[in-house]
């Protein structure tokens, strides 16, 4: 998926692995690893407390957990043709889930590195390329592809940031 998104989407669609299975066997464990990775900065930054790391881990888990459901709801509302059939809905759910998995991997990497490593932030923009390549496997009408790419890219990149900002207000520093 990361090295060749178009081929990756074809493999995902041909594999017929249920979205629920990917969600429970890959996404949720990755969210737990993300939450645990929030404790790593305590090693190289003595000002970060256990409580702050714990709250950050909880916020990061819920950020991506809620983002999945909110993005699915919004895309399904904006593009009702994508949820008309069970196959279309499954492809849309896979589309959102696999893009978020990539973002979770980048978030884990950010917490493992001792500083804000700028290339990791630029890799987040790679999601746009994955979205562009993934539209061919979705049931988006040809005249709506550009709009879909823009909206889904903004949702995939912006929703986790928005939820993290809202939940981050509850972190005591």
Protein backbone atom coordinates (compact mmCIF):
# COMPACT_ATOMS: atom_id res chain seq x y z
CA UNK A 1 0.00 0.00 0.00
CA UNK A 2 2.72 2.46 0.94
CA UNK A 3 5.08 1.82 -1.96
CA UNK A 4 2.44 1.26 -4.68
CA UNK A 5 -0.98 2.55 -3.60
CA UNK A 6 -2.87 1.61 -6.76
CA UNK A 7 -1.64 -1.98 -6.56
CA UNK A 8 -2.23 -1.98 -2.81
CA UNK A 9 -5.88 -0.99 -3.24
CA UNK A 10 -6.32 -3.73 -5.85
CA UNK A 11 -4.86 -6.33 -3.49
CA UNK A 12 -7.05 -5.10 -0.63
CA UNK A 13 -10.19 -5.27 -2.77
CA UNK A 14 -9.31 -8.69 -4.20
CA UNK A 15 -8.49 -10.17 -0.79
CA UNK A 16 -12.08 -9.81 0.45
CA UNK A 17 -10.90 -9.60 4.07
CA UNK A 18 -13.83 -8.26 6.08
CA UNK A 19 -13.37 -4.73 7.37
CA UNK A 20 -14.34 -5.83 10.86
CA UNK A 21 -11.51 -8.34 10.90
CA UNK A 22 -8.96 -5.70 9.83
CA UNK A 23 -10.42 -3.31 12.41
CA UNK A 24 -10.17 -5.79 15.28
CA UNK A 25 -6.95 -7.58 14.30
CA UNK A 26 -4.91 -4.66 12.96
CA UNK A 27 -6.39 -1.24 13.71
CA UNK A 28 -7.27 -1.67 17.40
CA UNK A 29 -3.90 -3.29 18.27
CA UNK A 30 -2.15 -0.45 16.43
CA UNK A 31 -4.14 2.06 18.48
CA UNK A 32 -2.97 0.32 21.65
CA UNK A 33 0.62 0.46 20.41
CA UNK A 34 0.10 4.17 19.67
CA UNK A 35 -1.19 4.71 23.21
CA UNK A 36 1.83 2.86 24.62
CA UNK A 37 4.23 4.82 22.40
CA UNK A 38 3.07 7.97 24.19
CA UNK A 39 5.15 6.81 27.16
CA UNK A 40 8.40 6.73 25.16
CA UNK A 41 8.99 10.51 25.36
CA UNK A 42 9.40 10.07 29.14
CA UNK A 43 12.74 8.40 28.38
CA UNK A 44 14.30 11.37 26.63
CA UNK A 45 12.34 14.27 28.16
CA UNK A 46 12.42 14.36 31.95
CA UNK A 47 9.72 17.07 32.09
CA UNK A 48 7.02 14.68 30.85
CA UNK A 49 5.23 12.95 33.70
CA UNK A 50 3.56 9.56 33.79
CA UNK A 51 0.17 11.23 34.18
CA UNK A 52 0.70 13.39 31.10
CA UNK A 53 1.84 10.37 29.08
CA UNK A 54 -1.17 8.38 30.24
CA UNK A 55 -3.58 11.14 29.29
CA UNK A 56 -1.82 11.64 25.95
CA UNK A 57 -2.10 7.91 25.24
CA UNK A 58 -5.81 7.94 26.02
CA UNK A 59 -6.34 11.01 23.85
CA UNK A 60 -4.43 9.50 20.93
CA UNK A 61 -6.33 6.21 21.16
CA UNK A 62 -9.71 7.97 21.15
CA UNK A 63 -8.60 10.44 18.48
CA UNK A 64 -8.13 7.73 15.87
CA UNK A 65 -10.93 5.52 17.17
CA UNK A 66 -13.49 8.31 16.85
CA UNK A 67 -11.99 9.60 13.60
CA UNK A 68 -12.76 6.32 11.88
CA UNK A 69 -16.46 6.44 12.69
CA UNK A 70 -16.89 10.17 12.10
CA UNK A 71 -15.12 10.07 8.72
CA UNK A 72 -17.19 7.08 7.61
CA UNK A 73 -20.37 8.88 8.61
CA UNK A 74 -19.40 12.12 6.86
CA UNK A 75 -18.26 10.47 3.62
CA UNK A 76 -21.37 8.31 3.59
CA UNK A 77 -23.52 11.43 4.09
CA UNK A 78 -21.75 13.42 1.40
CA UNK A 79 -21.61 10.54 -1.07
CA UNK A 80 -24.72 8.39 -0.59
CA UNK A 81 -23.85 6.33 -3.68
CA UNK A 82 -20.91 4.93 -1.70
CA UNK A 83 -23.19 3.29 0.86
CA UNK A 84 -26.01 2.05 -1.39
CA UNK A 85 -24.74 -1.52 -1.58
CA UNK A 86 -22.90 -3.71 0.89
CA UNK A 87 -19.89 -3.97 -1.45
CA UNK A 88 -19.64 -0.20 -1.87
CA UNK A 89 -19.90 0.32 1.88
CA UNK A 90 -17.20 -2.27 2.55
CA UNK A 91 -14.85 -0.60 0.05
CA UNK A 92 -15.45 2.81 1.57
CA UNK A 93 -14.84 1.45 5.08
CA UNK A 94 -11.62 -0.21 3.88
CA UNK A 95 -10.58 3.03 2.19
CA UNK A 96 -10.94 5.02 5.41
CA UNK A 97 -9.48 2.28 7.61
CA UNK A 98 -6.30 1.69 5.60
CA UNK A 99 -5.60 5.40 5.24
CA UNK A 100 -6.01 5.85 8.99
CA UNK A 101 -3.71 2.87 9.60
CA UNK A 102 -1.01 4.72 7.68
CA UNK A 103 -1.58 7.84 9.79
CA UNK A 104 -1.46 5.80 13.01
CA UNK A 105 1.89 4.33 11.91
CA UNK A 106 3.21 7.84 11.37
CA UNK A 107 1.93 8.93 14.78
CA UNK A 108 3.68 5.99 16.43
CA UNK A 109 6.88 6.96 14.64
CA UNK A 110 6.53 10.57 15.82
CA UNK A 111 6.31 9.47 19.46
CA UNK A 112 9.29 7.14 19.11
CA UNK A 113 11.59 9.87 17.78
CA UNK A 114 13.12 12.33 20.25
CA UNK A 115 12.14 15.42 18.26
CA UNK A 116 9.59 16.51 15.70
CA UNK A 117 11.20 14.85 12.71
CA UNK A 118 9.94 16.99 9.82
CA UNK A 119 9.93 14.24 7.15
CA UNK A 120 7.36 12.34 9.22
CA UNK A 121 5.05 15.36 9.00
CA UNK A 122 5.54 15.51 5.23
CA UNK A 123 4.74 11.80 4.98
CA UNK A 124 1.27 12.65 6.28
CA UNK A 125 0.70 14.39 2.96
CA UNK A 126 1.31 11.04 1.27
CA UNK A 127 -2.23 10.19 2.35
CA UNK A 128 -3.44 12.49 -0.42
CA UNK A 129 -1.60 10.33 -2.96
CA UNK A 130 -3.07 7.20 -1.39
CA UNK A 131 -6.53 8.77 -1.66
CA UNK A 132 -6.01 9.67 -5.32
CA UNK A 133 -4.90 6.12 -6.09
CA UNK A 134 -7.73 4.63 -4.04
CA UNK A 135 -10.58 6.41 -5.82
CA UNK A 136 -10.33 3.98 -8.72
CA UNK A 137 -11.49 1.14 -6.48
CA UNK A 138 -14.41 3.11 -5.06
CA UNK A 139 -17.75 3.77 -6.65
CA UNK A 140 -17.23 7.51 -7.13
CA UNK A 141 -18.76 9.02 -10.24
CA UNK A 142 -16.10 10.34 -12.62
CA UNK A 143 -17.29 13.94 -12.40
CA UNK A 144 -17.05 13.84 -8.57
CA UNK A 145 -13.54 12.38 -8.25
CA UNK A 146 -11.69 15.68 -7.71
CA UNK A 147 -14.19 16.85 -5.13
CA UNK A 148 -14.05 13.44 -3.42
CA UNK A 149 -10.25 13.50 -3.26
CA UNK A 150 -10.28 16.97 -1.70
CA UNK A 151 -13.02 16.22 0.82
CA UNK A 152 -11.73 12.81 1.87
CA UNK A 153 -8.14 14.08 2.14
CA UNK A 154 -9.25 16.97 4.33
CA UNK A 155 -11.32 14.61 6.48
CA UNK A 156 -8.55 12.02 6.81
CA UNK A 157 -5.90 14.58 7.70
CA UNK A 158 -8.07 17.09 9.55
CA UNK A 159 -10.44 14.98 11.62
CA UNK A 160 -7.72 13.40 13.79
CA UNK A 161 -6.17 16.83 14.31
CA UNK A 162 -9.51 18.35 15.27
CA UNK A 163 -10.44 15.55 17.66
CA UNK A 164 -6.93 15.59 19.17
CA UNK A 165 -7.20 19.35 19.71
CA UNK A 166 -10.57 18.98 21.42
CA UNK A 167 -9.57 16.02 23.59
CA UNK A 168 -6.16 17.60 24.24
CA UNK A 169 -7.91 20.34 26.19
CA UNK A 170 -8.43 17.78 28.96
CA UNK A 171 -4.75 16.93 29.34
CA UNK A 172 -3.31 18.36 32.53
CA UNK A 173 0.29 19.47 32.00
